Amino acid sequence: MNRLSRRHFGLYATLAAAAAALPAAAQSSAAGGKRNKVIFQVSDGDPAKWGLALNNAHNVQSALGADAVDVEIVAYGPGIGMLQADSPVAPRIKAALASGTKIVACENTMKGHKLAPSDMLPDIGYVPSGVVELMQREQQGYAYIRP
């Protein structure tokens, strides 16, 4: 191997090692190796807003790896209707749940709308207050997104 080839081989080996390290680096945030965490607020009853939130959640999982990030979507106010069993976005919500996204409904809003868990999609979670859930998750280091 001549001198130029060795230099290129060394550069290639360095780049290959750096590329192999990328998935591990993606598991940590820029803030010192902590796990990536994001929470999305959906308080709109618009299926397009839900589509945007679900796209965002999917994109985060695709970019960082579903096992490397905690993704949660909190629904309250008019957004609660999209978590009902007959929701127009029900298939997408089911797919998001299957991918590891946690989706929770605000029980305060459910009471106000006279909804019971039997009215809702299976496998979603429930929190006493959507706003309190957002506040507490931010305190735990979650990035807050409202699409």
C-alpha atoms as a PDB file:
ATOM      1  CA  MET A   1       0.000   0.000   0.000  1.00  0.00           C
ATOM      2  CA  ASN A   2       1.561   3.307  -1.000  1.00  0.00           C
ATOM      3  CA  ARG A   3       1.676   6.356   1.256  1.00  0.00           C
ATOM      4  CA  LEU A   4      -1.391   8.049  -0.253  1.00  0.00           C
ATOM      5  CA  SER A   5      -3.460   4.883   0.031  1.00  0.00           C
ATOM      6  CA  ARG A   6      -2.517   4.449   3.692  1.00  0.00           C
ATOM      7  CA  ARG A   7      -3.568   7.995   4.438  1.00  0.00           C
ATOM      8  CA  HIS A   8      -6.914   7.437   2.720  1.00  0.00           C
ATOM      9  CA  PHE A   9      -7.346   4.124   4.512  1.00  0.00           C
ATOM     10  CA  GLY A  10      -6.657   5.824   7.862  1.00  0.00           C
ATOM     11  CA  LEU A  11      -9.137   8.570   7.065  1.00  0.00           C
ATOM     12  CA  TYR A  12     -11.703   5.988   5.982  1.00  0.00           C
ATOM     13  CA  ALA A  13     -11.200   3.993   9.203  1.00  0.00           C
ATOM     14  CA  THR A  14     -11.624   7.151  11.300  1.00  0.00           C
ATOM     15  CA  LEU A  15     -14.815   8.118   9.454  1.00  0.00           C
ATOM     16  CA  ALA A  16     -16.198   4.590   9.708  1.00  0.00           C
ATOM     17  CA  ALA A  17     -15.600   4.552  13.471  1.00  0.00           C
ATOM     18  CA  ALA A  18     -17.301   7.928  13.831  1.00  0.00           C
ATOM     19  CA  ALA A  19     -20.291   6.749  11.789  1.00  0.00           C
ATOM     20  CA  ALA A  20     -20.589   3.609  13.921  1.00  0.00           C
ATOM     21  CA  ALA A  21     -20.707   5.791  17.026  1.00  0.00           C
ATOM     22  CA  LEU A  22     -23.614   7.889  15.751  1.00  0.00           C
ATOM     23  CA  PRO A  23     -26.456   5.638  16.973  1.00  0.00           C
ATOM     24  CA  ALA A  24     -25.023   5.697  20.491  1.00  0.00           C
ATOM     25  CA  ALA A  25     -24.672   9.469  20.333  1.00  0.00           C
ATOM     26  CA  ALA A  26     -28.279   9.781  19.194  1.00  0.00           C
ATOM     27  CA  GLN A  27     -29.387   8.125  22.422  1.00  0.00           C
ATOM     28  CA  SER A  28     -28.141  11.082  24.434  1.00  0.00           C
ATOM     29  CA  SER A  29     -29.170  14.685  24.271  1.00  0.00           C
ATOM     30  CA  ALA A  30     -26.660  17.459  23.866  1.00  0.00           C
ATOM     31  CA  ALA A  31     -27.064  18.232  27.584  1.00  0.00           C
ATOM     32  CA  GLY A  32     -24.623  15.756  29.023  1.00  0.00           C
ATOM     33  CA  GLY A  33     -25.830  12.266  28.158  1.00  0.00           C
ATOM     34  CA  LYS A  34     -29.388  12.460  29.435  1.00  0.00           C
ATOM     35  CA  ARG A  35     -32.148  10.491  27.722  1.00  0.00           C
ATOM     36  CA  ASN A  36     -34.148  12.358  25.082  1.00  0.00           C
ATOM     37  CA  LYS A  37     -37.707  13.141  26.213  1.00  0.00           C
ATOM     38  CA  VAL A  38     -40.420  15.102  24.425  1.00  0.00           C
ATOM     39  CA  ILE A  39     -44.044  15.884  25.202  1.00  0.00           C
ATOM     40  CA  PHE A  40     -46.578  17.155  22.695  1.00  0.00           C
ATOM     41  CA  GLN A  41     -49.711  19.107  23.611  1.00  0.00           C
ATOM     42  CA  VAL A  42     -52.827  18.644  21.478  1.00  0.00           C
ATOM     43  CA  SER A  43     -55.733  20.741  22.677  1.00  0.00           C
ATOM     44  CA  ASP A  44     -57.339  21.228  19.247  1.00  0.00           C
ATOM     45  CA  GLY A  45     -60.116  19.018  17.913  1.00  0.00           C
ATOM     46  CA  ASP A  46     -58.782  19.374  14.372  1.00  0.00           C
ATOM     47  CA  PRO A  47     -57.690  16.072  12.753  1.00  0.00           C
ATOM     48  CA  ALA A  48     -55.008  18.003  10.843  1.00  0.00           C
ATOM     49  CA  LYS A  49     -53.443  19.173  14.131  1.00  0.00           C
ATOM     50  CA  TRP A  50     -53.472  15.595  15.354  1.00  0.00           C
ATOM     51  CA  GLY A  51     -51.861  14.517  12.088  1.00  0.00           C
ATOM     52  CA  LEU A  52     -49.118  17.077  12.623  1.00  0.00           C
ATOM     53  CA  ALA A  53     -48.512  15.968  16.213  1.00  0.00           C
ATOM     54  CA  LEU A  54     -48.414  12.306  15.183  1.00  0.00           C
ATOM     55  CA  ASN A  55     -46.031  13.123  12.313  1.00  0.00           C
ATOM     56  CA  ASN A  56     -43.780  15.035  14.710  1.00  0.00           C
ATOM     57  CA  ALA A  57     -43.743  12.133  17.179  1.00  0.00           C
ATOM     58  CA  HIS A  58     -42.922   9.674  14.387  1.00  0.00           C
ATOM     59  CA  ASN A  59     -40.156  11.927  13.055  1.00  0.00           C
ATOM     60  CA  VAL A  60     -38.544  12.205  16.493  1.00  0.00           C
ATOM     61  CA  GLN A  61     -38.585   8.422  16.862  1.00  0.00           C
ATOM     62  CA  SER A  62     -37.179   7.976  13.346  1.00  0.00           C
ATOM     63  CA  ALA A  63     -34.380  10.484  13.888  1.00  0.00           C
ATOM     64  CA  LEU A  64     -33.289   9.316  17.337  1.00  0.00           C
ATOM     65  CA  GLY A  65     -34.515   5.730  17.395  1.00  0.00           C
ATOM     66  CA  ALA A  66     -37.757   4.731  19.099  1.00  0.00           C
ATOM     67  CA  ASP A  67     -35.781   3.070  21.906  1.00  0.00           C
ATOM     68  CA  ALA A  68     -33.702   6.218  22.487  1.00  0.00           C
ATOM     69  CA  VAL A  69     -36.484   8.703  23.194  1.00  0.00           C
ATOM     70  CA  ASP A  70     -39.549   8.957  25.417  1.00  0.00           C
ATOM     71  CA  VAL A  71     -42.435  10.453  23.429  1.00  0.00           C
ATOM     72  CA  GLU A  72     -45.728  11.468  25.016  1.00  0.00           C
ATOM     73  CA  ILE A  73     -48.799  13.201  23.611  1.00  0.00           C
ATOM     74  CA  VAL A  74     -51.223  14.878  26.045  1.00  0.00           C
ATOM     75  CA  ALA A  75     -54.784  15.600  24.905  1.00  0.00           C
ATOM     76  CA  TYR A  76     -57.170  17.939  26.656  1.00  0.00           C
ATOM     77  CA  GLY A  77     -59.851  20.469  25.828  1.00  0.00           C
ATOM     78  CA  PRO A  78     -61.298  20.052  22.334  1.00  0.00           C
ATOM     79  CA  GLY A  79     -58.427  17.683  21.474  1.00  0.00           C
ATOM     80  CA  ILE A  80     -59.948  14.965  23.643  1.00  0.00           C
ATOM     81  CA  GLY A  81     -62.440  14.008  20.937  1.00  0.00           C
ATOM     82  CA  MET A  82     -59.676  12.629  18.741  1.00  0.00           C
ATOM     83  CA  LEU A  83     -59.026   9.966  21.389  1.00  0.00           C
ATOM     84  CA  GLN A  84     -62.559   8.622  21.204  1.00  0.00           C
ATOM     85  CA  ALA A  85     -63.049   5.173  19.692  1.00  0.00           C
ATOM     86  CA  ASP A  86     -64.755   6.598  16.579  1.00  0.00           C
ATOM     87  CA  SER A  87     -62.100   9.257  15.942  1.00  0.00           C
ATOM     88  CA  PRO A  88     -61.068   9.935  12.334  1.00  0.00           C
ATOM     89  CA  VAL A  89     -57.418   9.638  13.415  1.00  0.00           C
ATOM     90  CA  ALA A  90     -57.908   6.405  15.404  1.00  0.00           C
ATOM     91  CA  PRO A  91     -55.788   4.263  13.032  1.00  0.00           C
ATOM     92  CA  ARG A  92     -52.863   6.686  13.294  1.00  0.00           C
ATOM     93  CA  ILE A  93     -53.188   6.866  17.073  1.00  0.00           C
ATOM     94  CA  LYS A  94     -53.149   3.070  17.285  1.00  0.00           C
ATOM     95  CA  ALA A  95     -49.997   2.998  15.118  1.00  0.00           C
ATOM     96  CA  ALA A  96     -48.334   5.614  17.326  1.00  0.00           C
ATOM     97  CA  LEU A  97     -49.167   3.610  20.446  1.00  0.00           C
ATOM     98  CA  ALA A  98     -47.719   0.499  18.814  1.00  0.00           C
ATOM     99  CA  SER A  99     -44.492   2.397  18.073  1.00  0.00           C
ATOM    100  CA  GLY A 100     -44.035   3.261  21.741  1.00  0.00           C
ATOM    101  CA  THR A 101     -45.581   6.725  21.869  1.00  0.00           C
ATOM    102  CA  LYS A 102     -47.457   7.283  25.115  1.00  0.00           C
ATOM    103  CA  ILE A 103     -50.789   9.023  24.519  1.00  0.00           C
ATOM    104  CA  VAL A 104     -52.783  10.278  27.489  1.00  0.00           C
ATOM    105  CA  ALA A 105     -56.198  11.877  27.980  1.00  0.00           C
ATOM    106  CA  CYS A 106     -57.036  14.518  30.569  1.00  0.00           C
ATOM    107  CA  GLU A 107     -59.619  13.172  33.023  1.00  0.00           C
ATOM    108  CA  ASN A 108     -60.791  16.710  33.869  1.00  0.00           C
ATOM    109  CA  THR A 109     -61.721  17.238  30.229  1.00  0.00           C
ATOM    110  CA  MET A 110     -63.328  13.808  30.020  1.00  0.00           C
ATOM    111  CA  LYS A 111     -65.548  14.644  33.004  1.00  0.00           C
ATOM    112  CA  GLY A 112     -66.519  17.945  31.404  1.00  0.00           C
ATOM    113  CA  HIS A 113     -67.449  16.163  28.170  1.00  0.00           C
ATOM    114  CA  LYS A 114     -69.148  13.299  30.019  1.00  0.00           C
ATOM    115  CA  LEU A 115     -66.749  10.747  28.548  1.00  0.00           C
ATOM    116  CA  ALA A 116     -65.785   7.452  30.169  1.00  0.00           C
ATOM    117  CA  PRO A 117     -62.817   5.200  29.391  1.00  0.00           C
ATOM    118  CA  SER A 118     -65.255   2.936  27.527  1.00  0.00           C
ATOM    119  CA  ASP A 119     -65.770   5.805  25.032  1.00  0.00           C
ATOM    120  CA  MET A 120     -62.063   6.080  24.359  1.00  0.00           C
ATOM    121  CA  LEU A 121     -59.533   4.213  22.243  1.00  0.00           C
ATOM    122  CA  PRO A 122     -58.015   1.192  23.954  1.00  0.00           C
ATOM    123  CA  ASP A 123     -54.431   1.413  25.194  1.00  0.00           C
ATOM    124  CA  ILE A 124     -54.349   5.162  25.799  1.00  0.00           C
ATOM    125  CA  GLY A 125     -53.434   6.402  29.244  1.00  0.00           C
ATOM    126  CA  TYR A 126     -55.151   8.832  31.569  1.00  0.00           C
ATOM    127  CA  VAL A 127     -53.892  11.706  33.689  1.00  0.00           C
ATOM    128  CA  PRO A 128     -55.913  13.705  36.212  1.00  0.00           C
ATOM    129  CA  SER A 129     -55.014  17.024  34.542  1.00  0.00           C
ATOM    130  CA  GLY A 130     -53.462  17.539  31.111  1.00  0.00           C
ATOM    131  CA  VAL A 131     -51.984  20.915  32.033  1.00  0.00           C
ATOM    132  CA  VAL A 132     -50.432  19.531  35.219  1.00  0.00           C
ATOM    133  CA  GLU A 133     -48.995  16.621  33.200  1.00  0.00           C
ATOM    134  CA  LEU A 134     -47.324  19.098  30.837  1.00  0.00           C
ATOM    135  CA  MET A 135     -45.964  21.145  33.726  1.00  0.00           C
ATOM    136  CA  GLN A 136     -44.574  18.119  35.578  1.00  0.00           C
ATOM    137  CA  ARG A 137     -43.019  16.616  32.457  1.00  0.00           C
ATOM    138  CA  GLU A 138     -41.263  19.892  31.697  1.00  0.00           C
ATOM    139  CA  GLN A 139     -39.910  19.874  35.253  1.00  0.00           C
ATOM    140  CA  GLN A 140     -38.608  16.353  34.553  1.00  0.00           C
ATOM    141  CA  GLY A 141     -36.665  17.619  31.540  1.00  0.00           C
ATOM    142  CA  TYR A 142     -39.094  16.876  28.712  1.00  0.00           C
ATOM    143  CA  ALA A 143     -38.964  19.184  25.713  1.00  0.00           C
ATOM    144  CA  TYR A 144     -42.388  20.767  25.210  1.00  0.00           C
ATOM    145  CA  ILE A 145     -43.870  20.992  21.709  1.00  0.00           C
ATOM    146  CA  ARG A 146     -47.238  22.342  20.659  1.00  0.00           C
ATOM    147  CA  PRO A 147     -47.742  21.688  16.954  1.00  0.00           C
END
